[in-house]
Amino acid sequence: MGVNEKRGKNTLLASVLLSAPGPLVLGIALFFGSSTTQIADFVRRTVEFMATLISWYVFRMTANLPKTDGLRIKLERRVDLYVGIAMLISGITMGFLAVSGFLNQSEKGNIIPALIIAVLGVISNAILAVNYSISYSKTKNTVLKAQKTLYFTKSIVDVCVSTALVAVILLNGTAMYIADLIGGIIVALVLFLNGIKLLHSRVSTK
């Protein structure tokens, strides 16, 4: 495994380690607050963590295999599929919960923990996205390309989530619920469209 492959492997491992606490912390935070954006963010992070974990495992298995190896090609295509599906599931879930939360309005509770996680996500995901971009440009590894797409999307999503949660904290009444709805829908669209884009690129390369 060359230097660039090792960088990609380390970036994937960092992604797994940094993604793991998110679902746990947000899951616990749901006992104290239940903003629609917060619930949807928990679902999103859980699905994306599983996709990243699978990507890390596949990269470890295939990094030393020739790029023309049948097993490597098969597994790398599956990673694209898993990451794309993860984005679609996250997008659909967020869209459904955003609309549901607006129609069935309830007390949001304390959403500060979710906001902290989202802000930290903006920083860490942006750094990882840049690392994936650099690693992919030097290795052209399909797994790293899928993760680059995922983490650039995650960075954008976390900015949207952070903005929506700040609006929910600052606003009152109907305006608060509208902000929560808009935040959920924007995040849903970003995830869904990028998931479609990733799956389409995989189909077009067959």
C-alpha atoms as a PDB file:
ATOM      1  CA  MET A   1       0.000   0.000   0.000  1.00  0.00           C
ATOM      2  CA  GLY A   2       1.491   3.319  -1.118  1.00  0.00           C
ATOM      3  CA  VAL A   3       1.617   6.619   0.736  1.00  0.00           C
ATOM      4  CA  ASN A   4      -1.538   7.955  -0.932  1.00  0.00           C
ATOM      5  CA  GLU A   5      -3.456   4.739  -0.220  1.00  0.00           C
ATOM      6  CA  LYS A   6      -2.372   4.937   3.427  1.00  0.00           C
ATOM      7  CA  ARG A   7      -3.631   8.514   3.570  1.00  0.00           C
ATOM      8  CA  GLY A   8      -6.961   7.366   2.189  1.00  0.00           C
ATOM      9  CA  LYS A   9      -7.112   4.505   4.699  1.00  0.00           C
ATOM     10  CA  ASN A  10      -6.316   6.856   7.602  1.00  0.00           C
ATOM     11  CA  THR A  11      -8.938   9.342   6.419  1.00  0.00           C
ATOM     12  CA  LEU A  12     -11.547   6.577   6.289  1.00  0.00           C
ATOM     13  CA  LEU A  13     -10.593   5.409   9.778  1.00  0.00           C
ATOM     14  CA  ALA A  14     -10.833   8.992  11.050  1.00  0.00           C
ATOM     15  CA  SER A  15     -14.271   9.251   9.435  1.00  0.00           C
ATOM     16  CA  VAL A  16     -15.459   6.120  11.232  1.00  0.00           C
ATOM     17  CA  LEU A  17     -14.115   7.272  14.602  1.00  0.00           C
ATOM     18  CA  LEU A  18     -15.515  10.798  14.249  1.00  0.00           C
ATOM     19  CA  SER A  19     -18.894   9.601  12.961  1.00  0.00           C
ATOM     20  CA  ALA A  20     -19.459   6.982  15.664  1.00  0.00           C
ATOM     21  CA  PRO A  21     -20.257   9.340  18.598  1.00  0.00           C
ATOM     22  CA  GLY A  22     -22.779  11.404  16.602  1.00  0.00           C
ATOM     23  CA  PRO A  23     -25.662   8.886  16.540  1.00  0.00           C
ATOM     24  CA  LEU A  24     -25.045   7.977  20.195  1.00  0.00           C
ATOM     25  CA  VAL A  25     -24.976  11.565  21.466  1.00  0.00           C
ATOM     26  CA  LEU A  26     -27.952  12.631  19.353  1.00  0.00           C
ATOM     27  CA  GLY A  27     -29.872   9.535  20.427  1.00  0.00           C
ATOM     28  CA  ILE A  28     -29.369  10.471  24.074  1.00  0.00           C
ATOM     29  CA  ALA A  29     -30.180  14.120  23.284  1.00  0.00           C
ATOM     30  CA  LEU A  30     -33.574  13.064  21.925  1.00  0.00           C
ATOM     31  CA  PHE A  31     -34.641  12.356  25.514  1.00  0.00           C
ATOM     32  CA  PHE A  32     -34.224  16.090  26.250  1.00  0.00           C
ATOM     33  CA  GLY A  33     -35.440  17.686  23.015  1.00  0.00           C
ATOM     34  CA  SER A  34     -37.313  16.585  19.922  1.00  0.00           C
ATOM     35  CA  SER A  35     -36.984  19.139  17.146  1.00  0.00           C
ATOM     36  CA  THR A  36     -37.925  17.616  13.780  1.00  0.00           C
ATOM     37  CA  THR A  37     -34.539  18.630  12.414  1.00  0.00           C
ATOM     38  CA  GLN A  38     -32.881  16.991  15.416  1.00  0.00           C
ATOM     39  CA  ILE A  39     -34.701  13.667  14.957  1.00  0.00           C
ATOM     40  CA  ALA A  40     -34.003  13.615  11.235  1.00  0.00           C
ATOM     41  CA  ASP A  41     -30.359  14.478  11.866  1.00  0.00           C
ATOM     42  CA  PHE A  42     -30.092  11.459  14.189  1.00  0.00           C
ATOM     43  CA  VAL A  43     -31.459   9.151  11.481  1.00  0.00           C
ATOM     44  CA  ARG A  44     -29.168  10.692   8.868  1.00  0.00           C
ATOM     45  CA  ARG A  45     -26.018  10.340  10.946  1.00  0.00           C
ATOM     46  CA  THR A  46     -26.810   6.728  11.841  1.00  0.00           C
ATOM     47  CA  VAL A  47     -27.325   5.678   8.213  1.00  0.00           C
ATOM     48  CA  GLU A  48     -24.257   7.592   7.022  1.00  0.00           C
ATOM     49  CA  PHE A  49     -22.109   6.079   9.788  1.00  0.00           C
ATOM     50  CA  MET A  50     -23.019   2.585   8.594  1.00  0.00           C
ATOM     51  CA  ALA A  51     -22.162   3.534   4.989  1.00  0.00           C
ATOM     52  CA  THR A  52     -18.785   4.943   6.078  1.00  0.00           C
ATOM     53  CA  LEU A  53     -18.031   1.843   8.161  1.00  0.00           C
ATOM     54  CA  ILE A  54     -18.714  -0.381   5.143  1.00  0.00           C
ATOM     55  CA  SER A  55     -16.539   1.862   2.946  1.00  0.00           C
ATOM     56  CA  TRP A  56     -13.637   1.601   5.397  1.00  0.00           C
ATOM     57  CA  TYR A  57     -13.945  -2.198   5.490  1.00  0.00           C
ATOM     58  CA  VAL A  58     -14.075  -2.501   1.686  1.00  0.00           C
ATOM     59  CA  PHE A  59     -11.096  -0.157   1.253  1.00  0.00           C
ATOM     60  CA  ARG A  60      -9.018  -2.273   3.637  1.00  0.00           C
ATOM     61  CA  MET A  61      -9.927  -5.411   1.686  1.00  0.00           C
ATOM     62  CA  THR A  62      -9.282  -4.022  -1.796  1.00  0.00           C
ATOM     63  CA  ALA A  63      -6.517  -1.396  -1.523  1.00  0.00           C
ATOM     64  CA  ASN A  64      -3.753  -3.913  -2.290  1.00  0.00           C
ATOM     65  CA  LEU A  65      -5.630  -5.592  -5.139  1.00  0.00           C
ATOM     66  CA  PRO A  66      -5.076  -4.577  -8.796  1.00  0.00           C
ATOM     67  CA  LYS A  67      -7.622  -2.055 -10.069  1.00  0.00           C
ATOM     68  CA  THR A  68      -8.726  -4.600 -12.669  1.00  0.00           C
ATOM     69  CA  ASP A  69      -9.347  -7.322 -10.071  1.00  0.00           C
ATOM     70  CA  GLY A  70     -12.906  -8.640 -10.312  1.00  0.00           C
ATOM     71  CA  LEU A  71     -13.494  -8.727  -6.545  1.00  0.00           C
ATOM     72  CA  ARG A  72     -12.235  -5.158  -6.125  1.00  0.00           C
ATOM     73  CA  ILE A  73     -14.472  -3.827  -8.890  1.00  0.00           C
ATOM     74  CA  LYS A  74     -17.483  -5.668  -7.464  1.00  0.00           C
ATOM     75  CA  LEU A  75     -16.973  -4.431  -3.895  1.00  0.00           C
ATOM     76  CA  GLU A  76     -16.230  -0.837  -4.945  1.00  0.00           C
ATOM     77  CA  ARG A  77     -19.444  -0.718  -6.954  1.00  0.00           C
ATOM     78  CA  ARG A  78     -21.311  -1.922  -3.894  1.00  0.00           C
ATOM     79  CA  VAL A  79     -19.814   0.921  -1.843  1.00  0.00           C
ATOM     80  CA  ASP A  80     -21.155   3.470  -4.331  1.00  0.00           C
ATOM     81  CA  LEU A  81     -24.515   1.739  -4.089  1.00  0.00           C
ATOM     82  CA  TYR A  82     -24.522   1.726  -0.269  1.00  0.00           C
ATOM     83  CA  VAL A  83     -23.463   5.378   0.019  1.00  0.00           C
ATOM     84  CA  GLY A  84     -26.009   6.473  -2.585  1.00  0.00           C
ATOM     85  CA  ILE A  85     -28.799   4.519  -0.885  1.00  0.00           C
ATOM     86  CA  ALA A  86     -27.746   5.941   2.504  1.00  0.00           C
ATOM     87  CA  MET A  87     -28.190   9.457   1.108  1.00  0.00           C
ATOM     88  CA  LEU A  88     -31.582   8.588  -0.365  1.00  0.00           C
ATOM     89  CA  ILE A  89     -32.837   7.032   2.874  1.00  0.00           C
ATOM     90  CA  SER A  90     -31.590  10.021   4.862  1.00  0.00           C
ATOM     91  CA  GLY A  91     -33.183  12.466   2.436  1.00  0.00           C
ATOM     92  CA  ILE A  92     -36.561  10.730   2.390  1.00  0.00           C
ATOM     93  CA  THR A  93     -36.550  10.376   6.185  1.00  0.00           C
ATOM     94  CA  MET A  94     -35.743  14.040   6.725  1.00  0.00           C
ATOM     95  CA  GLY A  95     -38.379  15.171   4.250  1.00  0.00           C
ATOM     96  CA  PHE A  96     -41.054  13.023   5.893  1.00  0.00           C
ATOM     97  CA  LEU A  97     -40.156  14.104   9.424  1.00  0.00           C
ATOM     98  CA  ALA A  98     -39.944  17.773   8.425  1.00  0.00           C
ATOM     99  CA  VAL A  99     -43.501  17.760   7.089  1.00  0.00           C
ATOM    100  CA  SER A 100     -44.771  15.547   9.929  1.00  0.00           C
ATOM    101  CA  GLY A 101     -43.217  17.790  12.576  1.00  0.00           C
ATOM    102  CA  PHE A 102     -44.804  20.879  11.041  1.00  0.00           C
ATOM    103  CA  LEU A 103     -48.263  19.296  10.874  1.00  0.00           C
ATOM    104  CA  ASN A 104     -48.022  17.885  14.413  1.00  0.00           C
ATOM    105  CA  GLN A 105     -46.395  20.733  16.309  1.00  0.00           C
ATOM    106  CA  SER A 106     -45.036  20.010  19.788  1.00  0.00           C
ATOM    107  CA  GLU A 107     -42.596  21.477  22.303  1.00  0.00           C
ATOM    108  CA  LYS A 108     -39.036  21.291  20.950  1.00  0.00           C
ATOM    109  CA  GLY A 109     -37.266  21.082  24.307  1.00  0.00           C
ATOM    110  CA  ASN A 110     -33.507  21.545  24.665  1.00  0.00           C
ATOM    111  CA  ILE A 111     -31.825  21.279  21.267  1.00  0.00           C
ATOM    112  CA  ILE A 112     -28.462  22.801  22.266  1.00  0.00           C
ATOM    113  CA  PRO A 113     -26.688  19.370  22.227  1.00  0.00           C
ATOM    114  CA  ALA A 114     -27.856  18.816  18.650  1.00  0.00           C
ATOM    115  CA  LEU A 115     -26.625  22.284  17.653  1.00  0.00           C
ATOM    116  CA  ILE A 116     -23.183  21.612  19.139  1.00  0.00           C
ATOM    117  CA  ILE A 117     -22.939  18.317  17.229  1.00  0.00           C
ATOM    118  CA  ALA A 118     -23.991  20.038  13.989  1.00  0.00           C
ATOM    119  CA  VAL A 119     -21.416  22.844  14.344  1.00  0.00           C
ATOM    120  CA  LEU A 120     -18.644  20.357  15.091  1.00  0.00           C
ATOM    121  CA  GLY A 121     -19.856  18.386  12.088  1.00  0.00           C
ATOM    122  CA  VAL A 122     -19.375  21.384   9.795  1.00  0.00           C
ATOM    123  CA  ILE A 123     -15.725  21.635  10.842  1.00  0.00           C
ATOM    124  CA  SER A 124     -14.793  17.942  10.877  1.00  0.00           C
ATOM    125  CA  ASN A 125     -16.687  17.027   7.703  1.00  0.00           C
ATOM    126  CA  ALA A 126     -15.157  19.907   5.753  1.00  0.00           C
ATOM    127  CA  ILE A 127     -11.653  18.792   6.778  1.00  0.00           C
ATOM    128  CA  LEU A 128     -12.395  15.167   5.860  1.00  0.00           C
ATOM    129  CA  ALA A 129     -13.950  16.208   2.541  1.00  0.00           C
ATOM    130  CA  VAL A 130     -10.753  18.043   1.589  1.00  0.00           C
ATOM    131  CA  ASN A 131      -8.643  15.037   2.599  1.00  0.00           C
ATOM    132  CA  TYR A 132     -10.814  12.704   0.533  1.00  0.00           C
ATOM    133  CA  SER A 133     -10.551  15.059  -2.426  1.00  0.00           C
ATOM    134  CA  ILE A 134      -6.744  15.106  -2.214  1.00  0.00           C
ATOM    135  CA  SER A 135      -6.500  11.321  -1.757  1.00  0.00           C
ATOM    136  CA  TYR A 136      -8.862  10.628  -4.642  1.00  0.00           C
ATOM    137  CA  SER A 137      -7.027  12.999  -6.988  1.00  0.00           C
ATOM    138  CA  LYS A 138      -3.855  10.951  -6.440  1.00  0.00           C
ATOM    139  CA  THR A 139      -5.290   7.413  -6.336  1.00  0.00           C
ATOM    140  CA  LYS A 140      -8.548   7.571  -8.350  1.00  0.00           C
ATOM    141  CA  ASN A 141      -9.929   5.040  -5.879  1.00  0.00           C
ATOM    142  CA  THR A 142     -13.681   4.566  -6.278  1.00  0.00           C
ATOM    143  CA  VAL A 143     -14.293   4.172  -2.539  1.00  0.00           C
ATOM    144  CA  LEU A 144     -12.568   7.484  -1.836  1.00  0.00           C
ATOM    145  CA  LYS A 145     -14.586   9.159  -4.589  1.00  0.00           C
ATOM    146  CA  ALA A 146     -17.845   8.013  -2.985  1.00  0.00           C
ATOM    147  CA  GLN A 147     -16.679   9.248   0.415  1.00  0.00           C
ATOM    148  CA  LYS A 148     -15.583  12.570  -1.085  1.00  0.00           C
ATOM    149  CA  THR A 149     -19.116  13.047  -2.424  1.00  0.00           C
ATOM    150  CA  LEU A 150     -20.643  11.979   0.893  1.00  0.00           C
ATOM    151  CA  TYR A 151     -18.517  14.291   3.036  1.00  0.00           C
ATOM    152  CA  PHE A 152     -18.903  17.356   0.843  1.00  0.00           C
ATOM    153  CA  THR A 153     -22.648  16.721   1.078  1.00  0.00           C
ATOM    154  CA  LYS A 154     -22.429  16.204   4.856  1.00  0.00           C
ATOM    155  CA  SER A 155     -20.630  19.560   5.186  1.00  0.00           C
ATOM    156  CA  ILE A 156     -23.400  21.363   3.323  1.00  0.00           C
ATOM    157  CA  VAL A 157     -26.067  19.514   5.291  1.00  0.00           C
ATOM    158  CA  ASP A 158     -24.484  20.378   8.648  1.00  0.00           C
ATOM    159  CA  VAL A 159     -24.447  24.061   7.704  1.00  0.00           C
ATOM    160  CA  CYS A 160     -28.177  23.812   6.914  1.00  0.00           C
ATOM    161  CA  VAL A 161     -28.900  21.895  10.127  1.00  0.00           C
ATOM    162  CA  SER A 162     -26.938  24.387  12.247  1.00  0.00           C
ATOM    163  CA  THR A 163     -28.753  27.321  10.668  1.00  0.00           C
ATOM    164  CA  ALA A 164     -32.155  25.694  11.177  1.00  0.00           C
ATOM    165  CA  LEU A 165     -31.462  24.840  14.817  1.00  0.00           C
ATOM    166  CA  VAL A 166     -30.246  28.378  15.561  1.00  0.00           C
ATOM    167  CA  ALA A 167     -33.448  29.709  13.990  1.00  0.00           C
ATOM    168  CA  VAL A 168     -35.533  27.328  16.118  1.00  0.00           C
ATOM    169  CA  ILE A 169     -33.746  28.553  19.259  1.00  0.00           C
ATOM    170  CA  LEU A 170     -34.145  32.248  18.424  1.00  0.00           C
ATOM    171  CA  LEU A 171     -37.671  32.242  17.005  1.00  0.00           C
ATOM    172  CA  ASN A 172     -41.018  31.680  18.697  1.00  0.00           C
ATOM    173  CA  GLY A 173     -44.446  30.437  17.695  1.00  0.00           C
ATOM    174  CA  THR A 174     -45.263  29.695  14.066  1.00  0.00           C
ATOM    175  CA  ALA A 175     -41.989  31.186  12.819  1.00  0.00           C
ATOM    176  CA  MET A 176     -40.051  28.572  14.807  1.00  0.00           C
ATOM    177  CA  TYR A 177     -41.966  25.692  13.222  1.00  0.00           C
ATOM    178  CA  ILE A 178     -41.590  27.184   9.749  1.00  0.00           C
ATOM    179  CA  ALA A 179     -37.819  27.489  10.260  1.00  0.00           C
ATOM    180  CA  ASP A 180     -37.693  23.869  11.419  1.00  0.00           C
ATOM    181  CA  LEU A 181     -39.701  22.778   8.370  1.00  0.00           C
ATOM    182  CA  ILE A 182     -37.544  24.713   5.911  1.00  0.00           C
ATOM    183  CA  GLY A 183     -34.356  23.370   7.492  1.00  0.00           C
ATOM    184  CA  GLY A 184     -35.591  19.786   7.245  1.00  0.00           C
ATOM    185  CA  ILE A 185     -36.723  20.144   3.625  1.00  0.00           C
ATOM    186  CA  ILE A 186     -33.479  21.779   2.464  1.00  0.00           C
ATOM    187  CA  VAL A 187     -31.408  19.034   4.073  1.00  0.00           C
ATOM    188  CA  ALA A 188     -33.706  16.374   2.576  1.00  0.00           C
ATOM    189  CA  LEU A 189     -33.293  17.807  -0.930  1.00  0.00           C
ATOM    190  CA  VAL A 190     -29.498  18.081  -0.648  1.00  0.00           C
ATOM    191  CA  LEU A 191     -29.204  14.463   0.493  1.00  0.00           C
ATOM    192  CA  PHE A 192     -31.718  13.079  -2.000  1.00  0.00           C
ATOM    193  CA  LEU A 193     -30.294  14.872  -5.042  1.00  0.00           C
ATOM    194  CA  ASN A 194     -26.695  13.941  -4.205  1.00  0.00           C
ATOM    195  CA  GLY A 195     -27.756  10.332  -3.617  1.00  0.00           C
ATOM    196  CA  ILE A 196     -29.410  10.248  -7.049  1.00  0.00           C
ATOM    197  CA  LYS A 197     -26.307  11.828  -8.586  1.00  0.00           C
ATOM    198  CA  LEU A 198     -23.998   9.215  -7.039  1.00  0.00           C
ATOM    199  CA  LEU A 199     -26.203   6.290  -8.092  1.00  0.00           C
ATOM    200  CA  HIS A 200     -26.553   7.719 -11.604  1.00  0.00           C
ATOM    201  CA  SER A 201     -22.776   8.070 -11.968  1.00  0.00           C
ATOM    202  CA  ARG A 202     -22.368   4.441 -10.890  1.00  0.00           C
ATOM    203  CA  VAL A 203     -24.951   3.191 -13.417  1.00  0.00           C
ATOM    204  CA  SER A 204     -23.439   5.262 -16.231  1.00  0.00           C
ATOM    205  CA  THR A 205     -19.969   3.723 -15.688  1.00  0.00           C
ATOM    206  CA  LYS A 206     -21.157   0.127 -16.061  1.00  0.00           C
END
